[in-house]
Amino acid sequence: MSLFLCVLLISLFLCVLLISLFLCVLLISLFLCVLLISLFLCVLLISLFLCVLLISLFLCVLLISLFLCVLLISLFLCVLLISLFLCVLLISLFLCVLLISLFLCVLLIFLFLCVLLEPVEGSLTQPCQPINHTVSRFSTVYLHVCTYRDVPYETIRLPDCPPWVDPCVTYPVALSCDCTCSQTSDCTIESLQPDF
């Protein structure tokens, strides 16, 4: 009987030991499962946080790039408009300068072609008519031209002249003249006297 009790005790002890080992393994496995689940949840939360962070960074970069694109396009349009305005302004200034220069060239050509003869009073050259003509030496118009002949010079003294002015004036007196039609391209222009 003692042997039976010993075997029984040993078997009980082994059962308790096995049960305790089973419970320990069960507890360890539960602990490991909880640990793995917590690690999985931590990794999941970290990955979700990183995904949210990456999405937010991507959205921020996208918004910044869109803002920069809009800014660059607006700057380009501003520069384009300013350059177009400056081009139009420069073209208008060039056209104004060109028109003014053309006007001045035409005016200078007109003034160069018009050589004015000094008018002579009719009392000094009574026999010759017409007088006080404006002749252009570059025109090809036929004019009635009078040539003075037998022109003596007379000198008169002007009254009430200041002391620094010469009171003597010499002028031509035409006794006869020859009037014919002449082409102005054949004419030479000469003054009557240095005083005229």
C-alpha atoms as a PDB file:
ATOM      1  CA  MET A   1       0.000   0.000   0.000  1.00  0.00           C
ATOM      2  CA  SER A   2       2.742   2.394   0.620  1.00  0.00           C
ATOM      3  CA  LEU A   3       4.034   1.681  -2.786  1.00  0.00           C
ATOM      4  CA  PHE A   4       0.673   2.452  -4.199  1.00  0.00           C
ATOM      5  CA  LEU A   5       0.588   5.677  -2.262  1.00  0.00           C
ATOM      6  CA  CYS A   6       4.014   6.574  -3.444  1.00  0.00           C
ATOM      7  CA  VAL A   7       3.062   5.931  -7.027  1.00  0.00           C
ATOM      8  CA  LEU A   8      -0.088   7.855  -6.501  1.00  0.00           C
ATOM      9  CA  LEU A   9       1.754  10.725  -4.938  1.00  0.00           C
ATOM     10  CA  ILE A  10       4.329  10.687  -7.661  1.00  0.00           C
ATOM     11  CA  SER A  11       1.646  10.582 -10.295  1.00  0.00           C
ATOM     12  CA  LEU A  12      -0.176  13.429  -8.568  1.00  0.00           C
ATOM     13  CA  PHE A  13       3.020  15.330  -8.331  1.00  0.00           C
ATOM     14  CA  LEU A  14       3.689  14.731 -12.011  1.00  0.00           C
ATOM     15  CA  CYS A  15       0.160  15.744 -12.885  1.00  0.00           C
ATOM     16  CA  VAL A  16       0.493  18.908 -10.891  1.00  0.00           C
ATOM     17  CA  LEU A  17       3.865  19.486 -12.455  1.00  0.00           C
ATOM     18  CA  LEU A  18       2.473  18.903 -15.925  1.00  0.00           C
ATOM     19  CA  ILE A  19      -0.507  21.079 -15.226  1.00  0.00           C
ATOM     20  CA  SER A  20       1.745  23.806 -13.880  1.00  0.00           C
ATOM     21  CA  LEU A  21       4.016  23.445 -16.906  1.00  0.00           C
ATOM     22  CA  PHE A  22       0.998  23.545 -19.154  1.00  0.00           C
ATOM     23  CA  LEU A  23      -0.257  26.618 -17.370  1.00  0.00           C
ATOM     24  CA  CYS A  24       3.169  28.227 -17.586  1.00  0.00           C
ATOM     25  CA  VAL A  25       3.366  27.480 -21.289  1.00  0.00           C
ATOM     26  CA  LEU A  26      -0.151  28.743 -21.696  1.00  0.00           C
ATOM     27  CA  LEU A  27       0.637  31.927 -19.798  1.00  0.00           C
ATOM     28  CA  ILE A  28       3.845  32.425 -21.735  1.00  0.00           C
ATOM     29  CA  SER A  29       2.044  31.847 -25.008  1.00  0.00           C
ATOM     30  CA  LEU A  30      -0.696  34.262 -23.959  1.00  0.00           C
ATOM     31  CA  PHE A  31       1.919  36.781 -22.949  1.00  0.00           C
ATOM     32  CA  LEU A  32       3.687  36.325 -26.271  1.00  0.00           C
ATOM     33  CA  CYS A  33       0.395  36.645 -28.126  1.00  0.00           C
ATOM     34  CA  VAL A  34      -0.438  39.838 -26.262  1.00  0.00           C
ATOM     35  CA  LEU A  35       3.070  41.098 -26.887  1.00  0.00           C
ATOM     36  CA  LEU A  36       2.854  40.264 -30.576  1.00  0.00           C
ATOM     37  CA  ILE A  37      -0.575  41.843 -30.848  1.00  0.00           C
ATOM     38  CA  SER A  38       0.664  44.977 -29.095  1.00  0.00           C
ATOM     39  CA  LEU A  39       3.736  45.070 -31.347  1.00  0.00           C
ATOM     40  CA  PHE A  40       1.525  44.598 -34.361  1.00  0.00           C
ATOM     41  CA  LEU A  41      -0.751  47.374 -33.175  1.00  0.00           C
ATOM     42  CA  CYS A  42       2.253  49.638 -32.522  1.00  0.00           C
ATOM     43  CA  VAL A  43       3.666  48.925 -35.950  1.00  0.00           C
ATOM     44  CA  LEU A  44       0.251  49.487 -37.456  1.00  0.00           C
ATOM     45  CA  LEU A  45      -0.154  52.786 -35.620  1.00  0.00           C
ATOM     46  CA  ILE A  46       3.370  53.887 -36.579  1.00  0.00           C
ATOM     47  CA  SER A  47       2.754  52.948 -40.202  1.00  0.00           C
ATOM     48  CA  LEU A  48      -0.559  54.801 -40.175  1.00  0.00           C
ATOM     49  CA  PHE A  49       1.141  57.830 -38.648  1.00  0.00           C
ATOM     50  CA  LEU A  50       3.900  57.650 -41.248  1.00  0.00           C
ATOM     51  CA  CYS A  51       1.334  57.297 -44.025  1.00  0.00           C
ATOM     52  CA  VAL A  52      -0.598  60.294 -42.757  1.00  0.00           C
ATOM     53  CA  LEU A  53       2.648  62.224 -42.404  1.00  0.00           C
ATOM     54  CA  LEU A  54       3.762  61.289 -45.910  1.00  0.00           C
ATOM     55  CA  ILE A  55       0.366  62.168 -47.359  1.00  0.00           C
ATOM     56  CA  SER A  56       0.395  65.511 -45.566  1.00  0.00           C
ATOM     57  CA  LEU A  57       3.953  66.185 -46.779  1.00  0.00           C
ATOM     58  CA  PHE A  58       2.953  65.229 -50.297  1.00  0.00           C
ATOM     59  CA  LEU A  59      -0.049  67.540 -50.126  1.00  0.00           C
ATOM     60  CA  CYS A  60       2.118  70.347 -48.742  1.00  0.00           C
ATOM     61  CA  VAL A  61       4.685  69.865 -51.505  1.00  0.00           C
ATOM     62  CA  LEU A  62       1.896  69.724 -54.068  1.00  0.00           C
ATOM     63  CA  LEU A  63       0.332  72.935 -52.755  1.00  0.00           C
ATOM     64  CA  ILE A  64       3.711  74.686 -52.631  1.00  0.00           C
ATOM     65  CA  SER A  65       4.511  73.558 -56.177  1.00  0.00           C
ATOM     66  CA  LEU A  66       1.098  74.741 -57.384  1.00  0.00           C
ATOM     67  CA  PHE A  67       1.620  78.082 -55.670  1.00  0.00           C
ATOM     68  CA  LEU A  68       5.074  78.407 -57.221  1.00  0.00           C
ATOM     69  CA  CYS A  69       3.698  77.492 -60.646  1.00  0.00           C
ATOM     70  CA  VAL A  70       0.951  80.094 -60.344  1.00  0.00           C
ATOM     71  CA  LEU A  71       3.489  82.650 -59.128  1.00  0.00           C
ATOM     72  CA  LEU A  72       5.869  81.889 -61.998  1.00  0.00           C
ATOM     73  CA  ILE A  73       3.064  82.046 -64.550  1.00  0.00           C
ATOM     74  CA  SER A  74       1.876  85.372 -63.139  1.00  0.00           C
ATOM     75  CA  LEU A  75       5.437  86.730 -63.181  1.00  0.00           C
ATOM     76  CA  PHE A  76       5.891  85.534 -66.749  1.00  0.00           C
ATOM     77  CA  LEU A  77       2.631  87.192 -67.790  1.00  0.00           C
ATOM     78  CA  CYS A  78       3.629  90.415 -66.033  1.00  0.00           C
ATOM     79  CA  VAL A  79       7.020  90.427 -67.743  1.00  0.00           C
ATOM     80  CA  LEU A  80       5.348  89.641 -71.060  1.00  0.00           C
ATOM     81  CA  LEU A  81       2.864  92.488 -70.668  1.00  0.00           C
ATOM     82  CA  ILE A  82       5.594  94.921 -69.608  1.00  0.00           C
ATOM     83  CA  SER A  83       7.764  93.883 -72.552  1.00  0.00           C
ATOM     84  CA  LEU A  84       4.824  94.267 -74.953  1.00  0.00           C
ATOM     85  CA  PHE A  85       4.082  97.701 -73.514  1.00  0.00           C
ATOM     86  CA  LEU A  86       7.737  98.707 -73.859  1.00  0.00           C
ATOM     87  CA  CYS A  87       7.840  97.378 -77.423  1.00  0.00           C
ATOM     88  CA  VAL A  88       4.725  99.340 -78.350  1.00  0.00           C
ATOM     89  CA  LEU A  89       6.152 102.426 -76.634  1.00  0.00           C
ATOM     90  CA  LEU A  90       9.492 102.086 -78.429  1.00  0.00           C
ATOM     91  CA  ILE A  91       7.805 101.493 -81.780  1.00  0.00           C
ATOM     92  CA  SER A  92       5.580 104.537 -81.263  1.00  0.00           C
ATOM     93  CA  LEU A  93       8.598 106.637 -80.244  1.00  0.00           C
ATOM     94  CA  PHE A  94      10.506 105.383 -83.267  1.00  0.00           C
ATOM     95  CA  LEU A  95       7.571 106.234 -85.541  1.00  0.00           C
ATOM     96  CA  CYS A  96       7.261 109.682 -83.958  1.00  0.00           C
ATOM     97  CA  VAL A  97      10.982 110.339 -84.417  1.00  0.00           C
ATOM     98  CA  LEU A  98      10.758 109.017 -87.978  1.00  0.00           C
ATOM     99  CA  LEU A  99       7.789 111.243 -88.802  1.00  0.00           C
ATOM    100  CA  ILE A 100       9.453 114.279 -87.218  1.00  0.00           C
ATOM    101  CA  SER A 101      12.692 113.581 -89.082  1.00  0.00           C
ATOM    102  CA  LEU A 102      10.790 113.119 -92.356  1.00  0.00           C
ATOM    103  CA  PHE A 103       8.952 116.373 -91.736  1.00  0.00           C
ATOM    104  CA  LEU A 104      12.243 118.138 -90.982  1.00  0.00           C
ATOM    105  CA  CYS A 105      13.862 116.617 -94.085  1.00  0.00           C
ATOM    106  CA  VAL A 106      10.976 117.781 -96.268  1.00  0.00           C
ATOM    107  CA  LEU A 107      11.149 121.207 -94.645  1.00  0.00           C
ATOM    108  CA  LEU A 108      14.916 121.413 -95.172  1.00  0.00           C
ATOM    109  CA  ILE A 109      14.583 120.285 -98.794  1.00  0.00           C
ATOM    110  CA  PHE A 110      11.871 122.859 -99.347  1.00  0.00           C
ATOM    111  CA  LEU A 111      13.987 125.568 -97.730  1.00  0.00           C
ATOM    112  CA  PHE A 112      17.046 124.461 -99.672  1.00  0.00           C
ATOM    113  CA  LEU A 113      15.166 124.522-102.968  1.00  0.00           C
ATOM    114  CA  CYS A 114      13.649 127.922-102.283  1.00  0.00           C
ATOM    115  CA  VAL A 115      16.368 130.520-102.730  1.00  0.00           C
ATOM    116  CA  LEU A 116      14.861 133.868-101.958  1.00  0.00           C
ATOM    117  CA  LEU A 117      16.033 136.880-103.887  1.00  0.00           C
ATOM    118  CA  GLU A 118      16.196 140.122-101.988  1.00  0.00           C
ATOM    119  CA  PRO A 119      13.342 142.428-102.950  1.00  0.00           C
ATOM    120  CA  VAL A 120      14.334 145.740-104.469  1.00  0.00           C
ATOM    121  CA  GLU A 121      12.164 148.791-104.041  1.00  0.00           C
ATOM    122  CA  GLY A 122      10.490 150.005-107.217  1.00  0.00           C
ATOM    123  CA  SER A 123      11.655 153.579-106.764  1.00  0.00           C
ATOM    124  CA  LEU A 124      15.280 152.498-107.195  1.00  0.00           C
ATOM    125  CA  THR A 125      14.692 150.550-110.427  1.00  0.00           C
ATOM    126  CA  GLN A 126      11.779 152.354-112.040  1.00  0.00           C
ATOM    127  CA  PRO A 127      12.261 151.321-115.698  1.00  0.00           C
ATOM    128  CA  CYS A 128      12.376 147.577-114.933  1.00  0.00           C
ATOM    129  CA  GLN A 129       9.241 145.609-114.122  1.00  0.00           C
ATOM    130  CA  PRO A 130       8.475 143.051-112.664  1.00  0.00           C
ATOM    131  CA  ILE A 131      10.387 143.162-109.391  1.00  0.00           C
ATOM    132  CA  ASN A 132      10.150 141.510-105.960  1.00  0.00           C
ATOM    133  CA  HIS A 133      10.201 137.963-107.448  1.00  0.00           C
ATOM    134  CA  THR A 134      11.105 134.819-105.520  1.00  0.00           C
ATOM    135  CA  VAL A 135      13.080 132.509-107.793  1.00  0.00           C
ATOM    136  CA  SER A 136      14.198 128.973-107.099  1.00  0.00           C
ATOM    137  CA  ARG A 137      17.337 128.021-109.002  1.00  0.00           C
ATOM    138  CA  PHE A 138      16.335 124.328-108.938  1.00  0.00           C
ATOM    139  CA  SER A 139      12.939 124.726-110.554  1.00  0.00           C
ATOM    140  CA  THR A 140      12.440 124.431-114.322  1.00  0.00           C
ATOM    141  CA  VAL A 141       9.777 127.120-114.595  1.00  0.00           C
ATOM    142  CA  TYR A 142      10.078 129.767-117.303  1.00  0.00           C
ATOM    143  CA  LEU A 143       9.926 133.218-115.735  1.00  0.00           C
ATOM    144  CA  HIS A 144       9.752 136.755-117.009  1.00  0.00           C
ATOM    145  CA  VAL A 145      13.261 137.984-116.159  1.00  0.00           C
ATOM    146  CA  CYS A 146      14.464 141.550-116.417  1.00  0.00           C
ATOM    147  CA  THR A 147      18.140 142.355-116.848  1.00  0.00           C
ATOM    148  CA  TYR A 148      19.287 145.824-115.879  1.00  0.00           C
ATOM    149  CA  ARG A 149      21.405 147.808-118.362  1.00  0.00           C
ATOM    150  CA  ASP A 150      23.172 151.103-117.978  1.00  0.00           C
ATOM    151  CA  VAL A 151      22.986 151.113-114.190  1.00  0.00           C
ATOM    152  CA  PRO A 152      24.783 154.045-112.589  1.00  0.00           C
ATOM    153  CA  TYR A 153      25.186 154.141-108.814  1.00  0.00           C
ATOM    154  CA  GLU A 154      24.093 157.150-106.813  1.00  0.00           C
ATOM    155  CA  THR A 155      25.054 157.977-103.281  1.00  0.00           C
ATOM    156  CA  ILE A 156      22.845 159.866-100.857  1.00  0.00           C
ATOM    157  CA  ARG A 157      23.419 161.062 -97.323  1.00  0.00           C
ATOM    158  CA  LEU A 158      20.824 160.048 -94.740  1.00  0.00           C
ATOM    159  CA  PRO A 159      19.933 162.626 -92.093  1.00  0.00           C
ATOM    160  CA  ASP A 160      19.829 162.024 -88.313  1.00  0.00           C
ATOM    161  CA  CYS A 161      22.196 159.023 -88.237  1.00  0.00           C
ATOM    162  CA  PRO A 162      23.968 158.119 -84.984  1.00  0.00           C
ATOM    163  CA  PRO A 163      27.718 158.767 -84.924  1.00  0.00           C
ATOM    164  CA  TRP A 164      28.634 155.062 -85.295  1.00  0.00           C
ATOM    165  CA  VAL A 165      26.494 154.605 -88.446  1.00  0.00           C
ATOM    166  CA  ASP A 166      27.746 155.560 -91.908  1.00  0.00           C
ATOM    167  CA  PRO A 167      25.154 158.046 -93.283  1.00  0.00           C
ATOM    168  CA  CYS A 168      26.145 157.463 -96.942  1.00  0.00           C
ATOM    169  CA  VAL A 169      24.110 154.909 -98.904  1.00  0.00           C
ATOM    170  CA  THR A 170      24.960 153.846-102.472  1.00  0.00           C
ATOM    171  CA  TYR A 171      22.193 152.377-104.635  1.00  0.00           C
ATOM    172  CA  PRO A 172      21.752 151.501-108.340  1.00  0.00           C
ATOM    173  CA  VAL A 173      19.517 153.462-110.667  1.00  0.00           C
ATOM    174  CA  ALA A 174      18.354 151.488-113.713  1.00  0.00           C
ATOM    175  CA  LEU A 175      18.177 153.584-116.897  1.00  0.00           C
ATOM    176  CA  SER A 176      17.061 150.735-119.170  1.00  0.00           C
ATOM    177  CA  CYS A 177      16.436 147.025-118.989  1.00  0.00           C
ATOM    178  CA  ASP A 178      15.860 143.993-121.198  1.00  0.00           C
ATOM    179  CA  CYS A 179      12.959 141.699-120.173  1.00  0.00           C
ATOM    180  CA  THR A 180      12.728 138.212-121.670  1.00  0.00           C
ATOM    181  CA  CYS A 181      11.463 134.762-120.725  1.00  0.00           C
ATOM    182  CA  SER A 182      14.205 132.674-119.200  1.00  0.00           C
ATOM    183  CA  GLN A 183      14.492 129.230-117.743  1.00  0.00           C
ATOM    184  CA  THR A 184      15.502 129.505-114.123  1.00  0.00           C
ATOM    185  CA  SER A 185      17.947 126.624-114.377  1.00  0.00           C
ATOM    186  CA  ASP A 186      20.101 128.868-116.608  1.00  0.00           C
ATOM    187  CA  CYS A 187      20.061 131.807-114.191  1.00  0.00           C
ATOM    188  CA  THR A 188      22.789 132.789-111.808  1.00  0.00           C
ATOM    189  CA  ILE A 189      21.927 134.698-108.682  1.00  0.00           C
ATOM    190  CA  GLU A 190      23.965 137.780-107.873  1.00  0.00           C
ATOM    191  CA  SER A 191      23.318 140.601-105.462  1.00  0.00           C
ATOM    192  CA  LEU A 192      23.179 144.186-106.634  1.00  0.00           C
ATOM    193  CA  GLN A 193      25.511 145.611-104.054  1.00  0.00           C
ATOM    194  CA  PRO A 194      26.781 144.552-100.612  1.00  0.00           C
ATOM    195  CA  ASP A 195      24.219 146.908 -99.029  1.00  0.00           C
ATOM    196  CA  PHE A 196      21.234 145.000-100.498  1.00  0.00           C
END
